[in-house]
Amino acid sequence: MDENINTFNLKILENTAAALRSNGFEAGVYKNGAEAACALLALAGTGKKIGLGGSATVQELGLPEKLTLAGNEIITHKPGMGGEERRSVWLAALSSDIYLASPQAVTLDGKIALVDGNGNRCAAVTWGPRKIILLAGINKLVKDQEEGLWRSRNKAAIANNIRLKKDNPCVKTGRCSDCSSAWRICNVVTLLWKKPSASDILVMLINEDLGY
């Protein structure tokens, strides 16, 4: 990365972290994904129950494997699970020691947007787990809430539909049409304007494009 762009990006991330802190969140800035992963592993330690949302960022950083090797138990749904089994996993994740997810957008004034298909991830990032850690690459930064919701539906959701091989209209058109598809993955929206008073939330801002 060009050094001038790198310096500029870090300034934006530091300003966003300050805005998040003013809204009650804990926030840190990391120069790349490797540094963020190292910090998260140190924070998690060993012997924890760790819930995972469906996050491409978490997968890109190799966190499930690294956390497992460190002696932690990963709680997440898997392809092929039936409805009741998935529900049991989602409920177990709500009582995890640490819950990891990635928002679709973080605004420059310190707000966080998440869009979900089933609602399990949106539920877990507001209350339940003892500590909630949200990882966001610099590509997730947006000007304001309006842009954050646009990004969630017209960038993140479409890319995830392609990844998950969902035959939704946006995959064909390249834009959200607020469809009524039975397979749509943007049914639930959570906006964290301020930190929920009963939750412990850390936002890790990373100077690298990660996830969708």
C-alpha atoms as a PDB file:
ATOM      1  CA  MET A   1       0.000   0.000   0.000  1.00  0.00           C
ATOM      2  CA  ASP A   2       1.204   3.514  -0.801  1.00  0.00           C
ATOM      3  CA  GLU A   3       2.607   5.012   2.400  1.00  0.00           C
ATOM      4  CA  ASN A   4       0.611   8.220   2.017  1.00  0.00           C
ATOM      5  CA  ILE A   5      -2.651   6.303   1.610  1.00  0.00           C
ATOM      6  CA  ASN A   6      -1.665   4.105   4.537  1.00  0.00           C
ATOM      7  CA  THR A   7      -1.142   7.170   6.757  1.00  0.00           C
ATOM      8  CA  PHE A   8      -4.407   8.689   5.553  1.00  0.00           C
ATOM      9  CA  ASN A   9      -6.329   5.465   6.238  1.00  0.00           C
ATOM     10  CA  LEU A  10      -4.963   5.250   9.760  1.00  0.00           C
ATOM     11  CA  LYS A  11      -6.093   8.826  10.435  1.00  0.00           C
ATOM     12  CA  ILE A  12      -9.638   7.958   9.316  1.00  0.00           C
ATOM     13  CA  LEU A  13      -9.641   4.799  11.410  1.00  0.00           C
ATOM     14  CA  GLU A  14      -8.390   6.648  14.504  1.00  0.00           C
ATOM     15  CA  ASN A  15     -11.085   9.307  14.060  1.00  0.00           C
ATOM     16  CA  THR A  16     -13.744   6.612  13.686  1.00  0.00           C
ATOM     17  CA  ALA A  17     -12.435   4.802  16.771  1.00  0.00           C
ATOM     18  CA  ALA A  18     -12.709   8.055  18.732  1.00  0.00           C
ATOM     19  CA  ALA A  19     -16.316   8.454  17.551  1.00  0.00           C
ATOM     20  CA  LEU A  20     -17.107   4.879  18.583  1.00  0.00           C
ATOM     21  CA  ARG A  21     -15.632   5.493  22.033  1.00  0.00           C
ATOM     22  CA  SER A  22     -17.762   8.612  22.406  1.00  0.00           C
ATOM     23  CA  ASN A  23     -20.768   6.358  21.770  1.00  0.00           C
ATOM     24  CA  GLY A  24     -19.694   4.008  24.564  1.00  0.00           C
ATOM     25  CA  PHE A  25     -17.964   1.284  22.560  1.00  0.00           C
ATOM     26  CA  GLU A  26     -14.445   0.048  23.158  1.00  0.00           C
ATOM     27  CA  ALA A  27     -12.498   0.512  19.922  1.00  0.00           C
ATOM     28  CA  GLY A  28      -9.012  -0.218  18.615  1.00  0.00           C
ATOM     29  CA  VAL A  29      -7.149   0.388  15.349  1.00  0.00           C
ATOM     30  CA  TYR A  30      -4.922  -2.283  13.792  1.00  0.00           C
ATOM     31  CA  LYS A  31      -2.473  -1.786  10.936  1.00  0.00           C
ATOM     32  CA  ASN A  32      -3.494  -5.050   9.235  1.00  0.00           C
ATOM     33  CA  GLY A  33      -5.437  -8.267   9.677  1.00  0.00           C
ATOM     34  CA  ALA A  34      -2.494 -10.161  11.125  1.00  0.00           C
ATOM     35  CA  GLU A  35      -2.084  -7.624  13.916  1.00  0.00           C
ATOM     36  CA  ALA A  36      -5.817  -7.715  14.664  1.00  0.00           C
ATOM     37  CA  ALA A  37      -5.862 -11.523  14.738  1.00  0.00           C
ATOM     38  CA  CYS A  38      -2.886 -11.580  17.111  1.00  0.00           C
ATOM     39  CA  ALA A  39      -4.585  -9.103  19.452  1.00  0.00           C
ATOM     40  CA  LEU A  40      -7.832 -11.073  19.401  1.00  0.00           C
ATOM     41  CA  LEU A  41      -6.072 -14.357  20.177  1.00  0.00           C
ATOM     42  CA  ALA A  42      -4.298 -12.737  23.118  1.00  0.00           C
ATOM     43  CA  LEU A  43      -7.595 -11.358  24.402  1.00  0.00           C
ATOM     44  CA  ALA A  44      -9.421 -14.680  24.021  1.00  0.00           C
ATOM     45  CA  GLY A  45      -6.754 -16.806  25.644  1.00  0.00           C
ATOM     46  CA  THR A  46      -7.825 -20.426  26.069  1.00  0.00           C
ATOM     47  CA  GLY A  47     -10.770 -22.435  27.373  1.00  0.00           C
ATOM     48  CA  LYS A  48     -13.449 -20.049  26.098  1.00  0.00           C
ATOM     49  CA  LYS A  49     -16.741 -20.750  24.357  1.00  0.00           C
ATOM     50  CA  ILE A  50     -16.666 -18.577  21.243  1.00  0.00           C
ATOM     51  CA  GLY A  51     -19.755 -17.936  19.129  1.00  0.00           C
ATOM     52  CA  LEU A  52     -19.370 -17.025  15.483  1.00  0.00           C
ATOM     53  CA  GLY A  53     -21.695 -15.162  13.156  1.00  0.00           C
ATOM     54  CA  GLY A  54     -21.532 -15.810   9.430  1.00  0.00           C
ATOM     55  CA  SER A  55     -18.539 -13.541   8.847  1.00  0.00           C
ATOM     56  CA  ALA A  56     -16.270 -13.641   5.802  1.00  0.00           C
ATOM     57  CA  THR A  57     -13.860 -11.376   7.709  1.00  0.00           C
ATOM     58  CA  VAL A  58     -13.508 -13.889  10.547  1.00  0.00           C
ATOM     59  CA  GLN A  59     -12.866 -16.642   8.008  1.00  0.00           C
ATOM     60  CA  GLU A  60     -10.327 -14.567   6.041  1.00  0.00           C
ATOM     61  CA  LEU A  61      -8.314 -13.998   9.212  1.00  0.00           C
ATOM     62  CA  GLY A  62      -8.333 -17.742   9.940  1.00  0.00           C
ATOM     63  CA  LEU A  63      -9.774 -17.130  13.388  1.00  0.00           C
ATOM     64  CA  PRO A  64     -11.871 -20.309  13.789  1.00  0.00           C
ATOM     65  CA  GLU A  65      -8.813 -22.500  13.250  1.00  0.00           C
ATOM     66  CA  LYS A  66      -6.491 -20.329  15.332  1.00  0.00           C
ATOM     67  CA  LEU A  67      -8.920 -20.091  18.228  1.00  0.00           C
ATOM     68  CA  THR A  68      -9.511 -23.853  18.161  1.00  0.00           C
ATOM     69  CA  LEU A  69      -5.760 -24.544  18.201  1.00  0.00           C
ATOM     70  CA  ALA A  70      -5.499 -22.235  21.223  1.00  0.00           C
ATOM     71  CA  GLY A  71      -7.899 -24.517  23.108  1.00  0.00           C
ATOM     72  CA  ASN A  72     -11.210 -22.727  22.637  1.00  0.00           C
ATOM     73  CA  GLU A  73     -14.598 -24.188  21.693  1.00  0.00           C
ATOM     74  CA  ILE A  74     -16.190 -22.727  18.546  1.00  0.00           C
ATOM     75  CA  ILE A  75     -19.986 -22.453  18.490  1.00  0.00           C
ATOM     76  CA  THR A  76     -21.397 -21.916  14.997  1.00  0.00           C
ATOM     77  CA  HIS A  77     -23.946 -23.454  12.659  1.00  0.00           C
ATOM     78  CA  LYS A  78     -22.769 -25.601   9.751  1.00  0.00           C
ATOM     79  CA  PRO A  79     -24.187 -26.506   6.340  1.00  0.00           C
ATOM     80  CA  GLY A  80     -26.633 -29.392   6.498  1.00  0.00           C
ATOM     81  CA  MET A  81     -27.899 -28.692  10.000  1.00  0.00           C
ATOM     82  CA  GLY A  82     -31.652 -29.020  10.504  1.00  0.00           C
ATOM     83  CA  GLY A  83     -33.788 -26.193  11.836  1.00  0.00           C
ATOM     84  CA  GLU A  84     -33.851 -27.331  15.455  1.00  0.00           C
ATOM     85  CA  GLU A  85     -30.125 -28.059  15.509  1.00  0.00           C
ATOM     86  CA  ARG A  86     -29.352 -24.602  14.117  1.00  0.00           C
ATOM     87  CA  ARG A  87     -31.651 -23.034  16.699  1.00  0.00           C
ATOM     88  CA  SER A  88     -29.817 -24.854  19.500  1.00  0.00           C
ATOM     89  CA  VAL A  89     -26.472 -23.609  18.195  1.00  0.00           C
ATOM     90  CA  TRP A  90     -27.737 -20.023  17.911  1.00  0.00           C
ATOM     91  CA  LEU A  91     -29.069 -20.132  21.488  1.00  0.00           C
ATOM     92  CA  ALA A  92     -25.747 -21.529  22.725  1.00  0.00           C
ATOM     93  CA  ALA A  93     -23.902 -18.706  20.939  1.00  0.00           C
ATOM     94  CA  LEU A  94     -25.992 -16.163  22.846  1.00  0.00           C
ATOM     95  CA  SER A  95     -24.435 -17.403  26.092  1.00  0.00           C
ATOM     96  CA  SER A  96     -20.870 -17.653  24.762  1.00  0.00           C
ATOM     97  CA  ASP A  97     -17.882 -16.068  26.479  1.00  0.00           C
ATOM     98  CA  ILE A  98     -16.985 -14.211  23.282  1.00  0.00           C
ATOM     99  CA  TYR A  99     -19.038 -13.603  20.146  1.00  0.00           C
ATOM    100  CA  LEU A 100     -17.330 -12.641  16.882  1.00  0.00           C
ATOM    101  CA  ALA A 101     -19.045 -10.948  13.963  1.00  0.00           C
ATOM    102  CA  SER A 102     -18.417  -8.347  11.302  1.00  0.00           C
ATOM    103  CA  PRO A 103     -20.808  -5.461  10.623  1.00  0.00           C
ATOM    104  CA  GLN A 104     -21.686  -4.453   7.097  1.00  0.00           C
ATOM    105  CA  ALA A 105     -20.929  -0.821   7.897  1.00  0.00           C
ATOM    106  CA  VAL A 106     -19.336   1.457  10.493  1.00  0.00           C
ATOM    107  CA  THR A 107     -20.090   5.161  10.170  1.00  0.00           C
ATOM    108  CA  LEU A 108     -17.568   7.937  10.634  1.00  0.00           C
ATOM    109  CA  ASP A 109     -19.647   9.223  13.559  1.00  0.00           C
ATOM    110  CA  GLY A 110     -19.397   5.890  15.392  1.00  0.00           C
ATOM    111  CA  LYS A 111     -22.553   3.964  14.551  1.00  0.00           C
ATOM    112  CA  ILE A 112     -22.713   0.322  13.453  1.00  0.00           C
ATOM    113  CA  ALA A 113     -25.055  -1.367  10.939  1.00  0.00           C
ATOM    114  CA  LEU A 114     -25.712  -5.093  10.644  1.00  0.00           C
ATOM    115  CA  VAL A 115     -28.155  -6.817   8.293  1.00  0.00           C
ATOM    116  CA  ASP A 116     -29.084 -10.479   8.722  1.00  0.00           C
ATOM    117  CA  GLY A 117     -31.250 -13.150   7.173  1.00  0.00           C
ATOM    118  CA  ASN A 118     -32.301 -15.137  10.235  1.00  0.00           C
ATOM    119  CA  GLY A 119     -31.689 -12.605  12.994  1.00  0.00           C
ATOM    120  CA  ASN A 120     -29.396 -14.766  15.135  1.00  0.00           C
ATOM    121  CA  ARG A 121     -26.360 -12.561  14.479  1.00  0.00           C
ATOM    122  CA  CYS A 122     -28.304  -9.334  14.994  1.00  0.00           C
ATOM    123  CA  ALA A 123     -29.556 -10.710  18.315  1.00  0.00           C
ATOM    124  CA  ALA A 124     -26.100 -11.786  19.518  1.00  0.00           C
ATOM    125  CA  VAL A 125     -24.402  -8.443  18.826  1.00  0.00           C
ATOM    126  CA  THR A 126     -26.785  -6.551  21.100  1.00  0.00           C
ATOM    127  CA  TRP A 127     -26.980  -8.690  24.249  1.00  0.00           C
ATOM    128  CA  GLY A 128     -26.118 -12.142  25.591  1.00  0.00           C
ATOM    129  CA  PRO A 129     -22.446 -13.020  25.088  1.00  0.00           C
ATOM    130  CA  ARG A 130     -20.104 -11.845  27.838  1.00  0.00           C
ATOM    131  CA  LYS A 131     -17.989 -10.002  25.280  1.00  0.00           C
ATOM    132  CA  ILE A 132     -18.903  -9.069  21.708  1.00  0.00           C
ATOM    133  CA  ILE A 133     -16.102  -8.352  19.243  1.00  0.00           C
ATOM    134  CA  LEU A 134     -16.932  -6.746  15.904  1.00  0.00           C
ATOM    135  CA  LEU A 135     -14.200  -6.782  13.264  1.00  0.00           C
ATOM    136  CA  ALA A 136     -14.342  -4.296  10.394  1.00  0.00           C
ATOM    137  CA  GLY A 137     -11.911  -3.717   7.555  1.00  0.00           C
ATOM    138  CA  ILE A 138     -11.513  -0.181   6.248  1.00  0.00           C
ATOM    139  CA  ASN A 139     -13.789  -1.082   3.344  1.00  0.00           C
ATOM    140  CA  LYS A 140     -16.694  -1.106   5.829  1.00  0.00           C
ATOM    141  CA  LEU A 141     -16.327   2.586   6.726  1.00  0.00           C
ATOM    142  CA  VAL A 142     -19.100   4.861   5.428  1.00  0.00           C
ATOM    143  CA  LYS A 143     -20.079   8.499   5.838  1.00  0.00           C
ATOM    144  CA  ASP A 144     -23.362   8.015   7.707  1.00  0.00           C
ATOM    145  CA  GLN A 145     -26.210   5.667   8.571  1.00  0.00           C
ATOM    146  CA  GLU A 146     -27.963   6.155   5.231  1.00  0.00           C
ATOM    147  CA  GLU A 147     -24.840   5.177   3.308  1.00  0.00           C
ATOM    148  CA  GLY A 148     -24.301   2.290   5.716  1.00  0.00           C
ATOM    149  CA  LEU A 149     -27.719   0.804   4.987  1.00  0.00           C
ATOM    150  CA  TRP A 150     -27.194   1.316   1.240  1.00  0.00           C
ATOM    151  CA  ARG A 151     -23.848  -0.441   1.451  1.00  0.00           C
ATOM    152  CA  SER A 152     -25.359  -3.296   3.473  1.00  0.00           C
ATOM    153  CA  ARG A 153     -27.999  -3.993   0.844  1.00  0.00           C
ATOM    154  CA  ASN A 154     -26.224  -3.102  -2.404  1.00  0.00           C
ATOM    155  CA  LYS A 155     -22.679  -4.309  -1.735  1.00  0.00           C
ATOM    156  CA  ALA A 156     -22.405  -6.674   1.224  1.00  0.00           C
ATOM    157  CA  ALA A 157     -25.694  -8.519   0.685  1.00  0.00           C
ATOM    158  CA  ILE A 158     -25.138  -9.058  -3.030  1.00  0.00           C
ATOM    159  CA  ALA A 159     -21.591 -10.332  -2.527  1.00  0.00           C
ATOM    160  CA  ASN A 160     -22.810 -12.673   0.211  1.00  0.00           C
ATOM    161  CA  ASN A 161     -25.666 -13.913  -1.982  1.00  0.00           C
ATOM    162  CA  ILE A 162     -23.102 -14.820  -4.622  1.00  0.00           C
ATOM    163  CA  ARG A 163     -20.871 -16.505  -2.010  1.00  0.00           C
ATOM    164  CA  LEU A 164     -23.777 -18.502  -0.617  1.00  0.00           C
ATOM    165  CA  LYS A 165     -25.113 -19.334  -4.097  1.00  0.00           C
ATOM    166  CA  LYS A 166     -28.509 -17.798  -3.350  1.00  0.00           C
ATOM    167  CA  ASP A 167     -30.723 -17.387  -6.415  1.00  0.00           C
ATOM    168  CA  ASN A 168     -32.002 -13.948  -5.438  1.00  0.00           C
ATOM    169  CA  PRO A 169     -32.848 -11.115  -7.887  1.00  0.00           C
ATOM    170  CA  CYS A 170     -29.893  -8.949  -6.786  1.00  0.00           C
ATOM    171  CA  VAL A 171     -27.450 -11.597  -8.006  1.00  0.00           C
ATOM    172  CA  LYS A 172     -28.794 -11.107 -11.538  1.00  0.00           C
ATOM    173  CA  THR A 173     -29.305  -7.327 -11.511  1.00  0.00           C
ATOM    174  CA  GLY A 174     -26.436  -6.186  -9.283  1.00  0.00           C
ATOM    175  CA  ARG A 175     -28.701  -4.050  -7.123  1.00  0.00           C
ATOM    176  CA  CYS A 176     -31.159  -4.521  -4.266  1.00  0.00           C
ATOM    177  CA  SER A 177     -34.825  -4.509  -5.284  1.00  0.00           C
ATOM    178  CA  ASP A 178     -36.197  -5.198  -1.783  1.00  0.00           C
ATOM    179  CA  CYS A 179     -37.375  -8.565  -3.091  1.00  0.00           C
ATOM    180  CA  SER A 180     -39.766 -11.030  -1.501  1.00  0.00           C
ATOM    181  CA  SER A 181     -37.592 -14.066  -2.213  1.00  0.00           C
ATOM    182  CA  ALA A 182     -37.843 -16.929   0.254  1.00  0.00           C
ATOM    183  CA  TRP A 183     -34.027 -17.070   0.210  1.00  0.00           C
ATOM    184  CA  ARG A 184     -33.292 -13.379   0.837  1.00  0.00           C
ATOM    185  CA  ILE A 185     -30.582 -12.754   3.420  1.00  0.00           C
ATOM    186  CA  CYS A 186     -31.475  -9.185   4.401  1.00  0.00           C
ATOM    187  CA  ASN A 187     -34.555  -9.561   6.602  1.00  0.00           C
ATOM    188  CA  VAL A 188     -33.332  -8.019   9.875  1.00  0.00           C
ATOM    189  CA  VAL A 189     -31.503  -4.748  10.534  1.00  0.00           C
ATOM    190  CA  THR A 190     -29.668  -3.837  13.738  1.00  0.00           C
ATOM    191  CA  LEU A 191     -28.383  -0.293  14.194  1.00  0.00           C
ATOM    192  CA  LEU A 192     -26.092   0.252  17.152  1.00  0.00           C
ATOM    193  CA  TRP A 193     -26.259   4.003  17.712  1.00  0.00           C
ATOM    194  CA  LYS A 194     -24.744   3.703  21.195  1.00  0.00           C
ATOM    195  CA  LYS A 195     -23.403   0.736  23.141  1.00  0.00           C
ATOM    196  CA  PRO A 196     -26.256  -1.203  24.792  1.00  0.00           C
ATOM    197  CA  SER A 197     -25.830  -0.586  28.521  1.00  0.00           C
ATOM    198  CA  ALA A 198     -25.667  -4.270  29.520  1.00  0.00           C
ATOM    199  CA  SER A 199     -23.210  -5.339  26.800  1.00  0.00           C
ATOM    200  CA  ASP A 200     -19.417  -5.292  26.483  1.00  0.00           C
ATOM    201  CA  ILE A 201     -18.560  -4.481  22.860  1.00  0.00           C
ATOM    202  CA  LEU A 202     -15.136  -4.080  21.267  1.00  0.00           C
ATOM    203  CA  VAL A 203     -14.876  -2.813  17.686  1.00  0.00           C
ATOM    204  CA  MET A 204     -11.641  -3.753  15.940  1.00  0.00           C
ATOM    205  CA  LEU A 205     -10.980  -1.412  12.992  1.00  0.00           C
ATOM    206  CA  ILE A 206      -8.461  -2.879  10.563  1.00  0.00           C
ATOM    207  CA  ASN A 207      -6.441  -1.045   7.899  1.00  0.00           C
ATOM    208  CA  GLU A 208      -7.107  -3.690   5.270  1.00  0.00           C
ATOM    209  CA  ASP A 209     -10.034  -4.570   2.984  1.00  0.00           C
ATOM    210  CA  LEU A 210     -11.698  -7.588   4.591  1.00  0.00           C
ATOM    211  CA  GLY A 211     -14.941  -9.411   3.985  1.00  0.00           C
ATOM    212  CA  TYR A 212     -17.948  -7.922   2.239  1.00  0.00           C
END
